[in-house]
Structures are given as structure tokens and as C-alpha cells.
PDB file of N, CA and C in Angstrom:
ATOM      1  N   MET A   1       0.836  -1.169   0.000  1.00  0.00           N
ATOM      2  CA  MET A   1       0.000   0.000   0.000  1.00  0.00           C
ATOM      3  C   MET A   1       0.893   1.248   0.000  1.00  0.00           C
ATOM      4  N   GLN A   2       0.524   2.213  -0.839  1.00  0.00           N
ATOM      5  CA  GLN A   2       1.322   3.418  -0.972  1.00  0.00           C
ATOM      6  C   GLN A   2       0.884   4.449   0.066  1.00  0.00           C
ATOM      7  N   GLU A   3       1.876   5.140   0.672  1.00  0.00           N
ATOM      8  CA  GLU A   3       1.592   6.160   1.672  1.00  0.00           C
ATOM      9  C   GLU A   3       1.026   7.394   1.003  1.00  0.00           C
ATOM     10  N   LYS A   4       0.004   7.981   1.606  1.00  0.00           N
ATOM     11  CA  LYS A   4      -0.574   9.213   1.093  1.00  0.00           C
ATOM     12  C   LYS A   4       0.300  10.373   1.527  1.00  0.00           C
ATOM     13  N   SER A   5       0.744  11.195   0.586  1.00  0.00           N
ATOM     14  CA  SER A   5       1.579  12.329   0.963  1.00  0.00           C
ATOM     15  C   SER A   5       0.692  13.517   1.329  1.00  0.00           C
ATOM     16  N   ASN A   6       1.212  14.346   2.231  1.00  0.00           N
ATOM     17  CA  ASN A   6       0.484  15.541   2.619  1.00  0.00           C
ATOM     18  C   ASN A   6       0.494  16.526   1.463  1.00  0.00           C
ATOM     19  N   PRO A   7      -0.607  17.250   1.279  1.00  0.00           N
ATOM     20  CA  PRO A   7      -0.608  18.247   0.215  1.00  0.00           C
ATOM     21  C   PRO A   7       0.398  19.352   0.526  1.00  0.00           C
ATOM     22  N   LEU A   8       1.023  19.871  -0.494  1.00  0.00           N
ATOM     23  CA  LEU A   8       2.025  20.920  -0.355  1.00  0.00           C
ATOM     24  C   LEU A   8       1.328  22.231   0.001  1.00  0.00           C
ATOM     25  N   PRO A   9       1.784  22.919   1.076  1.00  0.00           N
ATOM     26  CA  PRO A   9       1.164  24.213   1.389  1.00  0.00           C
ATOM     27  C   PRO A   9       1.513  25.227   0.298  1.00  0.00           C
ATOM     28  N   LYS A  10       0.620  26.149   0.023  1.00  0.00           N
ATOM     29  CA  LYS A  10       0.890  27.190  -0.973  1.00  0.00           C
ATOM     30  C   LYS A  10       1.810  28.261  -0.402  1.00  0.00           C
ATOM     31  N   THR A  11       1.624  28.541   0.888  1.00  0.00           N
ATOM     32  CA  THR A  11       2.460  29.529   1.564  1.00  0.00           C
ATOM     33  C   THR A  11       2.729  29.070   2.993  1.00  0.00           C
ATOM     34  N   ILE A  12       3.837  29.556   3.546  1.00  0.00           N
ATOM     35  CA  ILE A  12       4.135  29.450   4.969  1.00  0.00           C
ATOM     36  C   ILE A  12       4.555  30.859   5.362  1.00  0.00           C
ATOM     37  N   GLY A  13       3.716  31.508   6.156  1.00  0.00           N
ATOM     38  CA  GLY A  13       3.948  32.921   6.435  1.00  0.00           C
ATOM     39  C   GLY A  13       3.855  33.689   5.134  1.00  0.00           C
ATOM     40  N   ASP A  14       4.831  34.535   4.858  1.00  0.00           N
ATOM     41  CA  ASP A  14       4.849  35.303   3.612  1.00  0.00           C
ATOM     42  C   ASP A  14       5.560  34.580   2.479  1.00  0.00           C
ATOM     43  N   TYR A  15       6.156  33.422   2.772  1.00  0.00           N
ATOM     44  CA  TYR A  15       6.937  32.696   1.773  1.00  0.00           C
ATOM     45  C   TYR A  15       6.042  31.869   0.865  1.00  0.00           C
ATOM     46  N   GLN A  16       6.305  31.919  -0.434  1.00  0.00           N
ATOM     47  CA  GLN A  16       5.545  31.159  -1.419  1.00  0.00           C
ATOM     48  C   GLN A  16       6.258  29.826  -1.644  1.00  0.00           C
ATOM     49  N   ILE A  17       5.571  28.742  -1.329  1.00  0.00           N
ATOM     50  CA  ILE A  17       6.167  27.412  -1.433  1.00  0.00           C
ATOM     51  C   ILE A  17       6.105  26.919  -2.872  1.00  0.00           C
ATOM     52  N   GLU A  18       7.254  26.489  -3.398  1.00  0.00           N
ATOM     53  CA  GLU A  18       7.312  26.000  -4.766  1.00  0.00           C
ATOM     54  C   GLU A  18       7.331  24.478  -4.845  1.00  0.00           C
ATOM     55  N   ARG A  19       8.137  23.859  -3.968  1.00  0.00           N
ATOM     56  CA  ARG A  19       8.176  22.395  -3.960  1.00  0.00           C
ATOM     57  C   ARG A  19       8.876  21.904  -2.707  1.00  0.00           C
ATOM     58  N   ALA A  20       8.642  20.635  -2.402  1.00  0.00           N
ATOM     59  CA  ALA A  20       9.317  20.003  -1.271  1.00  0.00           C
ATOM     60  C   ALA A  20      10.727  19.611  -1.698  1.00  0.00           C
ATOM     61  N   LEU A  21      11.697  19.839  -0.804  1.00  0.00           N
ATOM     62  CA  LEU A  21      13.078  19.434  -1.072  1.00  0.00           C
ATOM     63  C   LEU A  21      13.439  18.161  -0.328  1.00  0.00           C
ATOM     64  N   GLY A  22      12.816  17.949   0.823  1.00  0.00           N
ATOM     65  CA  GLY A  22      13.123  16.752   1.592  1.00  0.00           C
ATOM     66  C   GLY A  22      12.493  16.808   2.966  1.00  0.00           C
ATOM     67  N   GLN A  23      12.688  15.717   3.694  1.00  0.00           N
ATOM     68  CA  GLN A  23      12.190  15.677   5.059  1.00  0.00           C
ATOM     69  C   GLN A  23      13.089  14.797   5.888  1.00  0.00           C
ATOM     70  N   GLY A  24      13.086  15.073   7.175  1.00  0.00           N
ATOM     71  CA  GLY A  24      13.901  14.294   8.092  1.00  0.00           C
ATOM     72  C   GLY A  24      13.102  13.952   9.316  1.00  0.00           C
ATOM     73  N   GLY A  25      13.790  13.536  10.348  1.00  0.00           N
ATOM     74  CA  GLY A  25      13.111  13.135  11.558  1.00  0.00           C
ATOM     75  C   GLY A  25      12.431  14.277  12.284  1.00  0.00           C
ATOM     76  N   MET A  26      12.876  15.494  12.030  1.00  0.00           N
ATOM     77  CA  MET A  26      12.381  16.643  12.774  1.00  0.00           C
ATOM     78  C   MET A  26      11.491  17.570  11.943  1.00  0.00           C
ATOM     79  N   GLY A  27      11.726  17.617  10.661  1.00  0.00           N
ATOM     80  CA  GLY A  27      10.971  18.585   9.870  1.00  0.00           C
ATOM     81  C   GLY A  27      10.983  18.323   8.385  1.00  0.00           C
ATOM     82  N   GLU A  28      10.402  19.274   7.681  1.00  0.00           N
ATOM     83  CA  GLU A  28      10.319  19.238   6.234  1.00  0.00           C
ATOM     84  C   GLU A  28      11.030  20.470   5.694  1.00  0.00           C
ATOM     85  N   VAL A  29      11.637  20.339   4.510  1.00  0.00           N
ATOM     86  CA  VAL A  29      12.333  21.451   3.885  1.00  0.00           C
ATOM     87  C   VAL A  29      11.692  21.716   2.527  1.00  0.00           C
ATOM     88  N   PHE A  30      11.425  22.992   2.275  1.00  0.00           N
ATOM     89  CA  PHE A  30      10.772  23.400   1.036  1.00  0.00           C
ATOM     90  C   PHE A  30      11.624  24.416   0.291  1.00  0.00           C
ATOM     91  N   LEU A  31      11.497  24.411  -1.032  1.00  0.00           N
ATOM     92  CA  LEU A  31      12.028  25.505  -1.835  1.00  0.00           C
ATOM     93  C   LEU A  31      10.935  26.557  -1.825  1.00  0.00           C
ATOM     94  N   ALA A  32      11.284  27.754  -1.357  1.00  0.00           N
ATOM     95  CA  ALA A  32      10.295  28.816  -1.239  1.00  0.00           C
ATOM     96  C   ALA A  32      10.840  30.100  -1.847  1.00  0.00           C
ATOM     97  N   PHE A  33       9.936  30.997  -2.156  1.00  0.00           N
ATOM     98  CA  PHE A  33      10.320  32.296  -2.681  1.00  0.00           C
ATOM     99  C   PHE A  33       9.986  33.352  -1.643  1.00  0.00           C
ATOM    100  N   ASP A  34      10.975  34.191  -1.325  1.00  0.00           N
ATOM    101  CA  ASP A  34      10.801  35.292  -0.389  1.00  0.00           C
ATOM    102  C   ASP A  34      10.447  36.540  -1.207  1.00  0.00           C
ATOM    103  N   PRO A  35       9.182  36.972  -1.174  1.00  0.00           N
ATOM    104  CA  PRO A  35       8.779  38.112  -2.003  1.00  0.00           C
ATOM    105  C   PRO A  35       9.389  39.443  -1.555  1.00  0.00           C
ATOM    106  N   VAL A  36       9.794  39.552  -0.304  1.00  0.00           N
ATOM    107  CA  VAL A  36      10.396  40.793   0.189  1.00  0.00           C
ATOM    108  C   VAL A  36      11.809  40.947  -0.371  1.00  0.00           C
ATOM    109  N   CYS A  37      12.629  39.883  -0.230  1.00  0.00           N
ATOM    110  CA  CYS A  37      14.014  39.925  -0.719  1.00  0.00           C
ATOM    111  C   CYS A  37      14.135  39.517  -2.180  1.00  0.00           C
ATOM    112  N   LYS A  38      13.028  39.011  -2.743  1.00  0.00           N
ATOM    113  CA  LYS A  38      12.976  38.570  -4.143  1.00  0.00           C
ATOM    114  C   LYS A  38      14.066  37.542  -4.454  1.00  0.00           C
ATOM    115  N   ARG A  39      14.074  36.468  -3.633  1.00  0.00           N
ATOM    116  CA  ARG A  39      15.040  35.396  -3.851  1.00  0.00           C
ATOM    117  C   ARG A  39      14.464  34.080  -3.347  1.00  0.00           C
ATOM    118  N   HIS A  40      15.033  33.010  -3.839  1.00  0.00           N
ATOM    119  CA  HIS A  40      14.627  31.679  -3.395  1.00  0.00           C
ATOM    120  C   HIS A  40      15.398  31.307  -2.137  1.00  0.00           C
ATOM    121  N   ILE A  41      14.723  30.591  -1.261  1.00  0.00           N
ATOM    122  CA  ILE A  41      15.342  30.138  -0.018  1.00  0.00           C
ATOM    123  C   ILE A  41      14.949  28.693   0.237  1.00  0.00           C
ATOM    124  N   ALA A  42      15.695  28.036   1.103  1.00  0.00           N
ATOM    125  CA  ALA A  42      15.294  26.727   1.637  1.00  0.00           C
ATOM    126  C   ALA A  42      14.638  27.026   2.977  1.00  0.00           C
ATOM    127  N   LEU A  43      13.403  26.589   3.136  1.00  0.00           N
ATOM    128  CA  LEU A  43      12.626  26.872   4.333  1.00  0.00           C
ATOM    129  C   LEU A  43      12.337  25.574   5.064  1.00  0.00           C
ATOM    130  N   LYS A  44      12.785  25.491   6.309  1.00  0.00           N
ATOM    131  CA  LYS A  44      12.562  24.289   7.109  1.00  0.00           C
ATOM    132  C   LYS A  44      11.455  24.549   8.109  1.00  0.00           C
ATOM    133  N   GLN A  45      10.572  23.578   8.240  1.00  0.00           N
ATOM    134  CA  GLN A  45       9.455  23.686   9.170  1.00  0.00           C
ATOM    135  C   GLN A  45       9.402  22.424  10.016  1.00  0.00           C
ATOM    136  N   ILE A  46       9.181  22.601  11.333  1.00  0.00           N
ATOM    137  CA  ILE A  46       9.014  21.448  12.219  1.00  0.00           C
ATOM    138  C   ILE A  46       7.768  20.691  11.781  1.00  0.00           C
ATOM    139  N   ARG A  47       7.870  19.363  11.781  1.00  0.00           N
ATOM    140  CA  ARG A  47       6.697  18.549  11.442  1.00  0.00           C
ATOM    141  C   ARG A  47       5.555  18.882  12.385  1.00  0.00           C
ATOM    142  N   LYS A  48       4.336  18.902  11.837  1.00  0.00           N
ATOM    143  CA  LYS A  48       3.161  19.271  12.640  1.00  0.00           C
ATOM    144  C   LYS A  48       2.980  18.357  13.847  1.00  0.00           C
ATOM    145  N   ASP A  49       3.265  17.072  13.687  1.00  0.00           N
ATOM    146  CA  ASP A  49       3.078  16.149  14.808  1.00  0.00           C
ATOM    147  C   ASP A  49       4.098  16.362  15.924  1.00  0.00           C
ATOM    148  N   LEU A  50       5.156  17.135  15.662  1.00  0.00           N
ATOM    149  CA  LEU A  50       6.177  17.412  16.675  1.00  0.00           C
ATOM    150  C   LEU A  50       6.160  18.869  17.139  1.00  0.00           C
ATOM    151  N   SER A  51       5.278  19.675  16.575  1.00  0.00           N
ATOM    152  CA  SER A  51       5.324  21.117  16.807  1.00  0.00           C
ATOM    153  C   SER A  51       5.002  21.531  18.243  1.00  0.00           C
ATOM    154  N   GLN A  52       4.378  20.665  19.027  1.00  0.00           N
ATOM    155  CA  GLN A  52       4.056  20.998  20.416  1.00  0.00           C
ATOM    156  C   GLN A  52       5.114  20.504  21.400  1.00  0.00           C
ATOM    157  N   ASN A  53       6.138  19.814  20.904  1.00  0.00           N
ATOM    158  CA  ASN A  53       7.195  19.275  21.748  1.00  0.00           C
ATOM    159  C   ASN A  53       8.205  20.383  22.066  1.00  0.00           C
ATOM    160  N   VAL A  54       8.188  20.884  23.277  1.00  0.00           N
ATOM    161  CA  VAL A  54       9.021  22.025  23.679  1.00  0.00           C
ATOM    162  C   VAL A  54      10.508  21.714  23.522  1.00  0.00           C
ATOM    163  N   SER A  55      10.924  20.508  23.868  1.00  0.00           N
ATOM    164  CA  SER A  55      12.328  20.119  23.759  1.00  0.00           C
ATOM    165  C   SER A  55      12.797  20.178  22.299  1.00  0.00           C
ATOM    166  N   LEU A  56      11.976  19.682  21.388  1.00  0.00           N
ATOM    167  CA  LEU A  56      12.341  19.728  19.968  1.00  0.00           C
ATOM    168  C   LEU A  56      12.310  21.154  19.423  1.00  0.00           C
ATOM    169  N   GLN A  57      11.391  21.959  19.907  1.00  0.00           N
ATOM    170  CA  GLN A  57      11.349  23.360  19.481  1.00  0.00           C
ATOM    171  C   GLN A  57      12.650  24.067  19.862  1.00  0.00           C
ATOM    172  N   LYS A  58      13.125  23.833  21.087  1.00  0.00           N
ATOM    173  CA  LYS A  58      14.382  24.446  21.528  1.00  0.00           C
ATOM    174  C   LYS A  58      15.544  23.989  20.652  1.00  0.00           C
ATOM    175  N   ARG A  59      15.594  22.686  20.354  1.00  0.00           N
ATOM    176  CA  ARG A  59      16.661  22.144  19.512  1.00  0.00           C
ATOM    177  C   ARG A  59      16.610  22.747  18.107  1.00  0.00           C
ATOM    178  N   PHE A  60      15.414  22.866  17.569  1.00  0.00           N
ATOM    179  CA  PHE A  60      15.211  23.435  16.239  1.00  0.00           C
ATOM    180  C   PHE A  60      15.739  24.875  16.197  1.00  0.00           C
ATOM    181  N   TYR A  61      15.356  25.695  17.198  1.00  0.00           N
ATOM    182  CA  TYR A  61      15.783  27.093  17.212  1.00  0.00           C
ATOM    183  C   TYR A  61      17.264  27.252  17.536  1.00  0.00           C
ATOM    184  N   THR A  62      17.831  26.344  18.301  1.00  0.00           N
ATOM    185  CA  THR A  62      19.277  26.367  18.542  1.00  0.00           C
ATOM    186  C   THR A  62      20.028  26.132  17.243  1.00  0.00           C
ATOM    187  N   ARG A  63      19.572  25.155  16.472  1.00  0.00           N
ATOM    188  CA  ARG A  63      20.192  24.902  15.160  1.00  0.00           C
ATOM    189  C   ARG A  63      20.040  26.104  14.240  1.00  0.00           C
ATOM    190  N   LEU A  64      18.870  26.711  14.263  1.00  0.00           N
ATOM    191  CA  LEU A  64      18.624  27.884  13.425  1.00  0.00           C
ATOM    192  C   LEU A  64      19.583  29.011  13.785  1.00  0.00           C
ATOM    193  N   GLN A  65      19.756  29.273  15.077  1.00  0.00           N
ATOM    194  CA  GLN A  65      20.669  30.329  15.510  1.00  0.00           C
ATOM    195  C   GLN A  65      22.095  30.023  15.077  1.00  0.00           C
ATOM    196  N   PHE A  66      22.508  28.766  15.194  1.00  0.00           N
ATOM    197  CA  PHE A  66      23.851  28.375  14.758  1.00  0.00           C
ATOM    198  C   PHE A  66      24.023  28.644  13.267  1.00  0.00           C
ATOM    199  N   LEU A  67      23.032  28.235  12.474  1.00  0.00           N
ATOM    200  CA  LEU A  67      23.126  28.430  11.025  1.00  0.00           C
ATOM    201  C   LEU A  67      23.170  29.905  10.654  1.00  0.00           C
ATOM    202  N   LEU A  68      22.394  30.729  11.355  1.00  0.00           N
ATOM    203  CA  LEU A  68      22.407  32.166  11.074  1.00  0.00           C
ATOM    204  C   LEU A  68      23.757  32.778  11.407  1.00  0.00           C
ATOM    205  N   VAL A  69      24.324  32.419  12.555  1.00  0.00           N
ATOM    206  CA  VAL A  69      25.639  32.941  12.941  1.00  0.00           C
ATOM    207  C   VAL A  69      26.699  32.457  11.960  1.00  0.00           C
ATOM    208  N   PHE A  70      26.655  31.183  11.583  1.00  0.00           N
ATOM    209  CA  PHE A  70      27.625  30.638  10.633  1.00  0.00           C
ATOM    210  C   PHE A  70      27.513  31.357   9.294  1.00  0.00           C
ATOM    211  N   ARG A  71      26.293  31.585   8.849  1.00  0.00           N
ATOM    212  CA  ARG A  71      26.079  32.254   7.564  1.00  0.00           C
ATOM    213  C   ARG A  71      26.632  33.678   7.610  1.00  0.00           C
ATOM    214  N   LEU A  72      26.379  34.392   8.710  1.00  0.00           N
ATOM    215  CA  LEU A  72      26.908  35.750   8.829  1.00  0.00           C
ATOM    216  C   LEU A  72      28.428  35.743   8.867  1.00  0.00           C
ATOM    217  N   LEU A  73      28.998  34.810   9.618  1.00  0.00           N
ATOM    218  CA  LEU A  73      30.449  34.699   9.705  1.00  0.00           C
ATOM    219  C   LEU A  73      31.035  34.373   8.334  1.00  0.00           C
ATOM    220  N   HIS A  74      30.420  33.440   7.621  1.00  0.00           N
ATOM    221  CA  HIS A  74      30.888  33.059   6.289  1.00  0.00           C
ATOM    222  C   HIS A  74      30.827  34.257   5.349  1.00  0.00           C
ATOM    223  N   SER A  75      29.737  35.011   5.398  1.00  0.00           N
ATOM    224  CA  SER A  75      29.596  36.195   4.540  1.00  0.00           C
ATOM    225  C   SER A  75      30.665  37.223   4.872  1.00  0.00           C
ATOM    226  N   PHE A  76      30.926  37.425   6.173  1.00  0.00           N
ATOM    227  CA  PHE A  76      31.940  38.377   6.591  1.00  0.00           C
ATOM    228  C   PHE A  76      33.317  37.961   6.090  1.00  0.00           C
ATOM    229  N   LEU A  77      33.649  36.684   6.237  1.00  0.00           N
ATOM    230  CA  LEU A  77      34.952  36.199   5.792  1.00  0.00           C
ATOM    231  C   LEU A  77      35.105  36.357   4.286  1.00  0.00           C
ATOM    232  N   TYR A  78      34.049  36.102   3.528  1.00  0.00           N
ATOM    233  CA  TYR A  78      34.108  36.263   2.074  1.00  0.00           C
ATOM    234  C   TYR A  78      34.367  37.724   1.720  1.00  0.00           C
ATOM    235  N   VAL A  79      33.628  38.622   2.345  1.00  0.00           N
ATOM    236  CA  VAL A  79      33.788  40.057   2.058  1.00  0.00           C
ATOM    237  C   VAL A  79      35.189  40.505   2.446  1.00  0.00           C
ATOM    238  N   LYS A  80      35.662  40.073   3.616  1.00  0.00           N
ATOM    239  CA  LYS A  80      37.001  40.458   4.087  1.00  0.00           C
ATOM    240  C   LYS A  80      38.077  39.973   3.114  1.00  0.00           C
ATOM    241  N   GLU A  81      37.982  38.708   2.697  1.00  0.00           N
ATOM    242  CA  GLU A  81      38.980  38.169   1.770  1.00  0.00           C
ATOM    243  C   GLU A  81      38.876  38.830   0.411  1.00  0.00           C
ATOM    244  N   HIS A  82      37.670  39.055  -0.058  1.00  0.00           N
ATOM    245  CA  HIS A  82      37.452  39.576  -1.393  1.00  0.00           C
ATOM    246  C   HIS A  82      37.940  41.021  -1.520  1.00  0.00           C
ATOM    247  N   TYR A  83      37.701  41.819  -0.500  1.00  0.00           N
ATOM    248  CA  TYR A  83      38.001  43.253  -0.610  1.00  0.00           C
ATOM    249  C   TYR A  83      39.313  43.671   0.031  1.00  0.00           C
ATOM    250  N   THR A  84      40.001  42.764   0.710  1.00  0.00           N
ATOM    251  CA  THR A  84      41.277  43.152   1.321  1.00  0.00           C
ATOM    252  C   THR A  84      42.456  42.506   0.610  1.00  0.00           C
ATOM    253  N   SER A  85      42.198  41.765  -0.433  1.00  0.00           N
ATOM    254  CA  SER A  85      43.300  41.106  -1.157  1.00  0.00           C
ATOM    255  C   SER A  85      44.007  42.069  -2.073  1.00  0.00           C
TER     256      SER A  85
END
């Protein structure tokens, strides 16, 4: 028997969902379009069945903060190397 897939949301917040990229034990990842910045992003969302689990929410946001700091650091290093060479 084939598993029924959940229908793809059209939007999550202000982001326009284009397609699913994958899923893991904690969440789903979508290719989305950010209309404010006018660019495509990968948007991760906690699975609905886990969204009330406070421990997983904390873990999810800790990972998010790490990724944001890493991304900013990476951008800074690129700019520093690119413009100081």
C-alpha cells in the first residue's frame, strides 16, 4: 500500500512554497520564494506532529541560531577576503 503524501502548502507565512526538497526526523524542507528579498530560499518547518514538543522546538531554534551565525560569519569572511586582497 502506498503512503498518502500531505498536500504541499501554498504559503508558509509570507513565503511562497514551490516544492518540497526533503524531510527528516524533525521537519520538512521546502524551496520557497521570499517576495520581500525577491530570492529563493530553503525553508525548514518542524513537522506538525512534533510542533508541540518544547524540547524539539528548543533544539530546532538552537540549530537555526547556529546556522544564522555561521552564515553571517561566512559572509563576513568572504567580504574580508574579497576586498582586502
